[in-house]
PDB file of N, CA and C in Angstrom:
ATOM      1  N   MET A   1       1.028  -1.351   0.248  1.00  0.00           N
ATOM      2  CA  MET A   1       0.514   0.515   0.048  1.00  0.00           C
ATOM      3  C   MET A   1       0.827   1.460  -0.061  1.00  0.00           C
ATOM      4  N   GLY A   2       0.843   1.973  -1.034  1.00  0.00           N
ATOM      5  CA  GLY A   2       1.122   3.213  -1.289  1.00  0.00           C
ATOM      6  C   GLY A   2       1.613   4.551   0.052  1.00  0.00           C
ATOM      7  N   HIS A   3       2.576   4.906   0.751  1.00  0.00           N
ATOM      8  CA  HIS A   3       2.391   6.429   1.811  1.00  0.00           C
ATOM      9  C   HIS A   3       2.177   7.631   0.644  1.00  0.00           C
ATOM     10  N   LEU A   4       1.139   7.778   1.253  1.00  0.00           N
ATOM     11  CA  LEU A   4       1.428  10.149   1.063  1.00  0.00           C
ATOM     12  C   LEU A   4       1.970  11.121   1.680  1.00  0.00           C
ATOM     13  N   CYS A   5       3.438  11.148   0.678  1.00  0.00           N
ATOM     14  CA  CYS A   5       3.579  11.835   1.910  1.00  0.00           C
ATOM     15  C   CYS A   5       2.933  13.838   1.457  1.00  0.00           C
ATOM     16  N   THR A   6       2.928  14.498   2.480  1.00  0.00           N
ATOM     17  CA  THR A   6       2.818  15.903   1.981  1.00  0.00           C
ATOM     18  C   THR A   6       3.000  16.605   3.414  1.00  0.00           C
ATOM     19  N   SER A   7       3.777  17.722   3.509  1.00  0.00           N
ATOM     20  CA  SER A   7       4.048  18.931   4.719  1.00  0.00           C
ATOM     21  C   SER A   7       2.292  19.512   5.099  1.00  0.00           C
ATOM     22  N   VAL A   8       2.372  19.358   6.238  1.00  0.00           N
ATOM     23  CA  VAL A   8       1.304  20.242   6.647  1.00  0.00           C
ATOM     24  C   VAL A   8       1.393  21.678   7.660  1.00  0.00           C
ATOM     25  N   SER A   9       0.815  22.757   6.859  1.00  0.00           N
ATOM     26  CA  SER A   9       1.065  23.790   8.272  1.00  0.00           C
ATOM     27  C   SER A   9       0.691  23.887   9.389  1.00  0.00           C
ATOM     28  N   VAL A  10       0.753  24.061  10.412  1.00  0.00           N
ATOM     29  CA  VAL A  10       0.033  24.352  11.496  1.00  0.00           C
ATOM     30  C   VAL A  10      -0.927  24.406  11.783  1.00  0.00           C
ATOM     31  N   ARG A  11      -0.850  25.260  10.700  1.00  0.00           N
ATOM     32  CA  ARG A  11      -2.167  26.939  11.104  1.00  0.00           C
ATOM     33  C   ARG A  11      -3.608  25.578  10.021  1.00  0.00           C
ATOM     34  N   THR A  12      -2.660  24.715   9.083  1.00  0.00           N
ATOM     35  CA  THR A  12      -4.061  23.895   7.705  1.00  0.00           C
ATOM     36  C   THR A  12      -4.494  23.113   9.207  1.00  0.00           C
ATOM     37  N   VAL A  13      -4.479  22.419  10.485  1.00  0.00           N
ATOM     38  CA  VAL A  13      -3.679  21.929  11.337  1.00  0.00           C
ATOM     39  C   VAL A  13      -5.013  21.795  11.757  1.00  0.00           C
ATOM     40  N   GLN A  14      -5.302  23.720  12.558  1.00  0.00           N
ATOM     41  CA  GLN A  14      -5.362  24.616  13.473  1.00  0.00           C
ATOM     42  C   GLN A  14      -6.572  24.564  12.520  1.00  0.00           C
ATOM     43  N   ARG A  15      -7.303  25.683  11.684  1.00  0.00           N
ATOM     44  CA  ARG A  15      -8.549  25.726  11.178  1.00  0.00           C
ATOM     45  C   ARG A  15      -8.992  24.262  10.273  1.00  0.00           C
ATOM     46  N   THR A  16      -8.577  23.150  10.127  1.00  0.00           N
ATOM     47  CA  THR A  16      -9.878  22.063  10.202  1.00  0.00           C
ATOM     48  C   THR A  16      -9.896  21.807  11.776  1.00  0.00           C
ATOM     49  N   VAL A  17      -9.284  21.541  13.051  1.00  0.00           N
ATOM     50  CA  VAL A  17      -9.502  21.265  14.487  1.00  0.00           C
ATOM     51  C   VAL A  17     -10.999  22.231  14.558  1.00  0.00           C
ATOM     52  N   ILE A  18     -10.435  23.567  13.916  1.00  0.00           N
ATOM     53  CA  ILE A  18     -11.363  24.304  13.741  1.00  0.00           C
ATOM     54  C   ILE A  18     -13.197  24.016  13.478  1.00  0.00           C
ATOM     55  N   ASN A  19     -13.030  24.301  11.993  1.00  0.00           N
ATOM     56  CA  ASN A  19     -13.828  23.816  10.948  1.00  0.00           C
ATOM     57  C   ASN A  19     -14.772  21.979  11.384  1.00  0.00           C
ATOM     58  N   MET A  20     -13.932  21.313  12.251  1.00  0.00           N
ATOM     59  CA  MET A  20     -15.048  19.739  12.574  1.00  0.00           C
ATOM     60  C   MET A  20     -15.292  20.325  14.461  1.00  0.00           C
ATOM     61  N   GLY A  21     -15.948  21.599  14.992  1.00  0.00           N
ATOM     62  CA  GLY A  21     -16.388  21.987  15.704  1.00  0.00           C
ATOM     63  C   GLY A  21     -15.632  21.938  17.030  1.00  0.00           C
ATOM     64  N   SER A  22     -13.887  22.090  17.346  1.00  0.00           N
ATOM     65  CA  SER A  22     -14.342  22.689  18.058  1.00  0.00           C
ATOM     66  C   SER A  22     -13.256  24.381  18.552  1.00  0.00           C
ATOM     67  N   GLN A  23     -12.343  24.268  19.436  1.00  0.00           N
ATOM     68  CA  GLN A  23     -12.330  25.553  19.967  1.00  0.00           C
ATOM     69  C   GLN A  23     -11.515  25.150  21.282  1.00  0.00           C
ATOM     70  N   SER A  24     -10.009  26.552  20.418  1.00  0.00           N
ATOM     71  CA  SER A  24      -8.041  25.992  21.866  1.00  0.00           C
ATOM     72  C   SER A  24      -8.867  26.863  23.162  1.00  0.00           C
ATOM     73  N   ARG A  25      -8.207  25.841  23.687  1.00  0.00           N
ATOM     74  CA  ARG A  25      -8.431  27.055  24.967  1.00  0.00           C
ATOM     75  C   ARG A  25      -6.969  27.053  25.958  1.00  0.00           C
ATOM     76  N   ARG A  26      -6.641  27.255  26.503  1.00  0.00           N
ATOM     77  CA  ARG A  26      -5.684  27.291  27.902  1.00  0.00           C
ATOM     78  C   ARG A  26      -6.161  26.362  28.936  1.00  0.00           C
ATOM     79  N   SER A  27      -4.770  25.249  29.048  1.00  0.00           N
ATOM     80  CA  SER A  27      -5.733  24.321  30.049  1.00  0.00           C
ATOM     81  C   SER A  27      -5.467  23.773  31.390  1.00  0.00           C
ATOM     82  N   THR A  28      -6.078  24.575  32.394  1.00  0.00           N
ATOM     83  CA  THR A  28      -6.343  24.298  33.731  1.00  0.00           C
ATOM     84  C   THR A  28      -4.589  22.828  34.217  1.00  0.00           C
ATOM     85  N   ARG A  29      -4.366  24.067  35.304  1.00  0.00           N
ATOM     86  CA  ARG A  29      -3.501  23.389  36.442  1.00  0.00           C
ATOM     87  C   ARG A  29      -2.861  22.477  36.773  1.00  0.00           C
ATOM     88  N   ILE A  30      -2.589  21.725  37.225  1.00  0.00           N
ATOM     89  CA  ILE A  30      -3.575  20.286  38.546  1.00  0.00           C
ATOM     90  C   ILE A  30      -2.015  20.212  39.155  1.00  0.00           C
ATOM     91  N   PRO A  31      -2.856  19.720  40.364  1.00  0.00           N
ATOM     92  CA  PRO A  31      -1.286  19.130  40.792  1.00  0.00           C
ATOM     93  C   PRO A  31      -1.275  17.558  40.617  1.00  0.00           C
ATOM     94  N   LEU A  32       0.049  17.900  40.758  1.00  0.00           N
ATOM     95  CA  LEU A  32       0.163  16.042  41.220  1.00  0.00           C
ATOM     96  C   LEU A  32      -0.365  15.077  41.541  1.00  0.00           C
ATOM     97  N   LEU A  33      -0.165  13.654  41.101  1.00  0.00           N
ATOM     98  CA  LEU A  33      -1.405  12.521  42.462  1.00  0.00           C
ATOM     99  C   LEU A  33      -0.005  12.592  43.721  1.00  0.00           C
ATOM    100  N   ILE A  34      -1.072  12.235  44.762  1.00  0.00           N
ATOM    101  CA  ILE A  34       0.071  12.587  46.137  1.00  0.00           C
ATOM    102  C   ILE A  34      -0.522  10.641  45.688  1.00  0.00           C
ATOM    103  N   ALA A  35       0.238  10.387  46.764  1.00  0.00           N
ATOM    104  CA  ALA A  35       0.017   9.090  47.589  1.00  0.00           C
ATOM    105  C   ALA A  35      -2.013   8.229  47.764  1.00  0.00           C
ATOM    106  N   ARG A  36      -2.713   9.478  48.904  1.00  0.00           N
ATOM    107  CA  ARG A  36      -3.563   9.861  48.789  1.00  0.00           C
ATOM    108  C   ARG A  36      -4.520   9.346  47.836  1.00  0.00           C
ATOM    109  N   HIS A  37      -4.232  10.048  46.821  1.00  0.00           N
ATOM    110  CA  HIS A  37      -4.611  10.432  45.567  1.00  0.00           C
ATOM    111  C   HIS A  37      -5.206   8.391  45.060  1.00  0.00           C
ATOM    112  N   LYS A  38      -3.074   8.021  44.466  1.00  0.00           N
ATOM    113  CA  LYS A  38      -3.391   6.975  44.831  1.00  0.00           C
ATOM    114  C   LYS A  38      -4.794   6.218  44.567  1.00  0.00           C
ATOM    115  N   ALA A  39      -4.123   6.640  46.078  1.00  0.00           N
ATOM    116  CA  ALA A  39      -5.043   5.013  47.399  1.00  0.00           C
ATOM    117  C   ALA A  39      -6.680   5.544  46.862  1.00  0.00           C
ATOM    118  N   LEU A  40      -7.217   6.157  46.173  1.00  0.00           N
ATOM    119  CA  LEU A  40      -8.228   6.961  46.185  1.00  0.00           C
ATOM    120  C   LEU A  40      -8.899   6.630  44.831  1.00  0.00           C
ATOM    121  N   LEU A  41      -8.363   6.300  44.200  1.00  0.00           N
ATOM    122  CA  LEU A  41      -8.286   6.464  42.680  1.00  0.00           C
ATOM    123  C   LEU A  41      -8.191   4.242  42.285  1.00  0.00           C
ATOM    124  N   LEU A  42      -7.162   3.776  43.447  1.00  0.00           N
ATOM    125  CA  LEU A  42      -6.774   2.429  43.457  1.00  0.00           C
ATOM    126  C   LEU A  42      -8.656   1.379  43.842  1.00  0.00           C
ATOM    127  N   SER A  43      -9.108   2.231  44.577  1.00  0.00           N
ATOM    128  CA  SER A  43     -10.144   1.143  45.383  1.00  0.00           C
ATOM    129  C   SER A  43     -11.176   1.979  45.226  1.00  0.00           C
ATOM    130  N   TRP A  44     -11.123   2.743  43.574  1.00  0.00           N
ATOM    131  CA  TRP A  44     -12.443   3.597  43.280  1.00  0.00           C
ATOM    132  C   TRP A  44     -12.868   2.696  42.437  1.00  0.00           C
ATOM    133  N   ALA A  45     -11.526   2.111  41.578  1.00  0.00           N
ATOM    134  CA  ALA A  45     -11.047   1.258  40.387  1.00  0.00           C
ATOM    135  C   ALA A  45     -11.734  -0.072  40.770  1.00  0.00           C
ATOM    136  N   ARG A  46     -11.448  -0.710  42.332  1.00  0.00           N
ATOM    137  CA  ARG A  46     -11.578  -1.962  43.275  1.00  0.00           C
ATOM    138  C   ARG A  46     -13.446  -1.850  42.851  1.00  0.00           C
ATOM    139  N   LYS A  47     -13.612  -0.960  43.013  1.00  0.00           N
ATOM    140  CA  LYS A  47     -15.509  -0.983  43.286  1.00  0.00           C
ATOM    141  C   LYS A  47     -15.535  -1.092  41.774  1.00  0.00           C
ATOM    142  N   HIS A  48     -15.167  -0.573  40.628  1.00  0.00           N
ATOM    143  CA  HIS A  48     -16.070  -0.991  39.866  1.00  0.00           C
ATOM    144  C   HIS A  48     -15.551  -1.529  38.399  1.00  0.00           C
ATOM    145  N   TYR A  49     -14.748  -2.614  38.807  1.00  0.00           N
ATOM    146  CA  TYR A  49     -14.275  -3.134  37.939  1.00  0.00           C
ATOM    147  C   TYR A  49     -14.738  -4.028  37.370  1.00  0.00           C
ATOM    148  N   HIS A  50     -16.394  -4.920  38.423  1.00  0.00           N
ATOM    149  CA  HIS A  50     -17.079  -5.227  37.663  1.00  0.00           C
ATOM    150  C   HIS A  50     -18.208  -4.801  36.833  1.00  0.00           C
ATOM    151  N   ARG A  51     -17.914  -3.532  35.885  1.00  0.00           N
ATOM    152  CA  ARG A  51     -18.582  -3.174  35.085  1.00  0.00           C
ATOM    153  C   ARG A  51     -18.637  -3.653  33.362  1.00  0.00           C
ATOM    154  N   THR A  52     -20.274  -3.185  32.828  1.00  0.00           N
ATOM    155  CA  THR A  52     -19.676  -4.220  31.577  1.00  0.00           C
ATOM    156  C   THR A  52     -19.688  -2.733  30.553  1.00  0.00           C
ATOM    157  N   ALA A  53     -19.578  -3.814  29.954  1.00  0.00           N
ATOM    158  CA  ALA A  53     -19.052  -2.326  28.500  1.00  0.00           C
ATOM    159  C   ALA A  53     -20.119  -1.267  28.606  1.00  0.00           C
ATOM    160  N   ASP A  54     -21.760  -2.004  28.501  1.00  0.00           N
ATOM    161  CA  ASP A  54     -22.824  -2.101  28.396  1.00  0.00           C
ATOM    162  C   ASP A  54     -23.667  -0.232  29.067  1.00  0.00           C
ATOM    163  N   ASP A  55     -22.612  -1.226  30.670  1.00  0.00           N
ATOM    164  CA  ASP A  55     -22.443   0.034  32.029  1.00  0.00           C
ATOM    165  C   ASP A  55     -22.037   1.280  31.375  1.00  0.00           C
ATOM    166  N   TRP A  56     -20.849   0.987  30.660  1.00  0.00           N
ATOM    167  CA  TRP A  56     -20.003   2.373  31.556  1.00  0.00           C
ATOM    168  C   TRP A  56     -20.930   3.587  29.846  1.00  0.00           C
ATOM    169  N   LYS A  57     -21.219   2.937  28.793  1.00  0.00           N
ATOM    170  CA  LYS A  57     -22.577   2.867  28.137  1.00  0.00           C
ATOM    171  C   LYS A  57     -23.253   4.691  27.986  1.00  0.00           C
ATOM    172  N   HIS A  58     -23.637   4.969  30.331  1.00  0.00           N
ATOM    173  CA  HIS A  58     -24.612   5.218  30.823  1.00  0.00           C
ATOM    174  C   HIS A  58     -23.405   6.425  32.136  1.00  0.00           C
ATOM    175  N   VAL A  59     -22.431   7.034  31.082  1.00  0.00           N
ATOM    176  CA  VAL A  59     -21.234   7.126  31.727  1.00  0.00           C
ATOM    177  C   VAL A  59     -21.283   8.664  30.913  1.00  0.00           C
ATOM    178  N   ALA A  60     -20.703   9.595  31.644  1.00  0.00           N
ATOM    179  CA  ALA A  60     -20.990  10.473  30.578  1.00  0.00           C
ATOM    180  C   ALA A  60     -19.397  10.903  31.039  1.00  0.00           C
ATOM    181  N   TRP A  61     -18.662  11.418  29.399  1.00  0.00           N
ATOM    182  CA  TRP A  61     -17.099  11.026  29.117  1.00  0.00           C
ATOM    183  C   TRP A  61     -16.747  12.379  29.087  1.00  0.00           C
ATOM    184  N   SER A  62     -16.138  13.462  29.745  1.00  0.00           N
ATOM    185  CA  SER A  62     -14.634  14.440  28.669  1.00  0.00           C
ATOM    186  C   SER A  62     -14.611  14.289  27.565  1.00  0.00           C
ATOM    187  N   ASP A  63     -14.751  15.435  26.800  1.00  0.00           N
ATOM    188  CA  ASP A  63     -14.771  15.249  24.897  1.00  0.00           C
ATOM    189  C   ASP A  63     -13.081  15.698  25.102  1.00  0.00           C
ATOM    190  N   GLU A  64     -12.526  15.987  26.092  1.00  0.00           N
ATOM    191  CA  GLU A  64     -11.562  16.775  26.032  1.00  0.00           C
ATOM    192  C   GLU A  64      -9.935  16.742  25.899  1.00  0.00           C
ATOM    193  N   SER A  65      -9.582  16.582  24.473  1.00  0.00           N
ATOM    194  CA  SER A  65      -8.562  16.388  24.250  1.00  0.00           C
ATOM    195  C   SER A  65      -7.483  17.074  23.577  1.00  0.00           C
ATOM    196  N   ARG A  66      -5.976  15.895  24.599  1.00  0.00           N
ATOM    197  CA  ARG A  66      -4.534  17.820  24.394  1.00  0.00           C
ATOM    198  C   ARG A  66      -3.729  16.949  23.957  1.00  0.00           C
ATOM    199  N   PHE A  67      -3.588  18.094  22.678  1.00  0.00           N
ATOM    200  CA  PHE A  67      -2.191  17.202  21.870  1.00  0.00           C
ATOM    201  C   PHE A  67      -1.632  18.384  21.622  1.00  0.00           C
ATOM    202  N   GLN A  68      -0.349  18.618  21.122  1.00  0.00           N
ATOM    203  CA  GLN A  68      -0.011  19.432  21.024  1.00  0.00           C
ATOM    204  C   GLN A  68       0.778  19.431  19.668  1.00  0.00           C
ATOM    205  N   LEU A  69       0.885  20.606  19.433  1.00  0.00           N
ATOM    206  CA  LEU A  69       1.041  20.506  17.384  1.00  0.00           C
ATOM    207  C   LEU A  69       2.682  20.879  17.165  1.00  0.00           C
ATOM    208  N   TYR A  70       3.659  21.549  18.352  1.00  0.00           N
ATOM    209  CA  TYR A  70       4.747  22.034  18.103  1.00  0.00           C
ATOM    210  C   TYR A  70       5.123  21.888  20.376  1.00  0.00           C
ATOM    211  N   ARG A  71       6.085  22.173  19.744  1.00  0.00           N
ATOM    212  CA  ARG A  71       6.681  21.578  21.023  1.00  0.00           C
ATOM    213  C   ARG A  71       6.491  23.067  22.126  1.00  0.00           C
ATOM    214  N   THR A  72       5.816  23.746  22.864  1.00  0.00           N
ATOM    215  CA  THR A  72       6.323  23.992  23.947  1.00  0.00           C
ATOM    216  C   THR A  72       6.156  23.670  24.943  1.00  0.00           C
ATOM    217  N   ASP A  73       6.794  24.692  25.735  1.00  0.00           N
ATOM    218  CA  ASP A  73       6.054  23.939  27.190  1.00  0.00           C
ATOM    219  C   ASP A  73       5.533  24.991  28.196  1.00  0.00           C
ATOM    220  N   ALA A  74       5.545  26.712  28.065  1.00  0.00           N
ATOM    221  CA  ALA A  74       4.910  27.231  28.313  1.00  0.00           C
ATOM    222  C   ALA A  74       3.392  27.832  28.747  1.00  0.00           C
ATOM    223  N   HIS A  75       2.950  26.984  27.509  1.00  0.00           N
ATOM    224  CA  HIS A  75       1.622  27.203  26.681  1.00  0.00           C
ATOM    225  C   HIS A  75       0.623  25.943  26.134  1.00  0.00           C
ATOM    226  N   VAL A  76       0.843  25.722  27.146  1.00  0.00           N
ATOM    227  CA  VAL A  76      -0.609  23.974  26.397  1.00  0.00           C
ATOM    228  C   VAL A  76      -1.977  24.663  27.009  1.00  0.00           C
ATOM    229  N   ARG A  77      -2.400  24.159  25.054  1.00  0.00           N
ATOM    230  CA  ARG A  77      -3.256  24.478  24.583  1.00  0.00           C
ATOM    231  C   ARG A  77      -4.004  23.269  24.900  1.00  0.00           C
ATOM    232  N   VAL A  78      -6.121  23.041  24.937  1.00  0.00           N
ATOM    233  CA  VAL A  78      -6.581  21.736  25.100  1.00  0.00           C
ATOM    234  C   VAL A  78      -7.901  22.827  23.710  1.00  0.00           C
ATOM    235  N   TRP A  79      -8.063  21.177  23.143  1.00  0.00           N
ATOM    236  CA  TRP A  79      -9.250  21.635  22.194  1.00  0.00           C
ATOM    237  C   TRP A  79     -10.915  21.038  22.869  1.00  0.00           C
ATOM    238  N   ARG A  80     -11.754  21.320  22.373  1.00  0.00           N
ATOM    239  CA  ARG A  80     -12.595  21.343  23.355  1.00  0.00           C
ATOM    240  C   ARG A  80     -14.304  21.644  21.720  1.00  0.00           C
ATOM    241  N   ARG A  81     -14.308  20.451  22.540  1.00  0.00           N
ATOM    242  CA  ARG A  81     -15.974  20.265  20.971  1.00  0.00           C
ATOM    243  C   ARG A  81     -17.204  21.665  21.427  1.00  0.00           C
ATOM    244  N   HIS A  82     -17.800  23.481  20.705  1.00  0.00           N
ATOM    245  CA  HIS A  82     -18.019  23.722  21.228  1.00  0.00           C
ATOM    246  C   HIS A  82     -19.031  22.783  22.071  1.00  0.00           C
ATOM    247  N   HIS A  83     -20.210  23.587  23.357  1.00  0.00           N
ATOM    248  CA  HIS A  83     -21.393  22.849  23.843  1.00  0.00           C
ATOM    249  C   HIS A  83     -22.177  23.156  23.061  1.00  0.00           C
TER     250      HIS A  83
END
């Protein structure tokens, strides 16, 4: 199968993502997980490990995605769909 090698600019990707119904925001900074947080997450996972795929269809999931088009540590952008 042939591969198409095409160069795409950052601005083209941004326009495409916007046209797909997303918008960019600065992400909120959150503290790193501490031992207590990890224990709480593990406890929650043990309580819910028996759920089926059908059960998880009734859970509201965030449609937030994080990705970087170019490397920068100073400004992390999050793309979300318009609500």
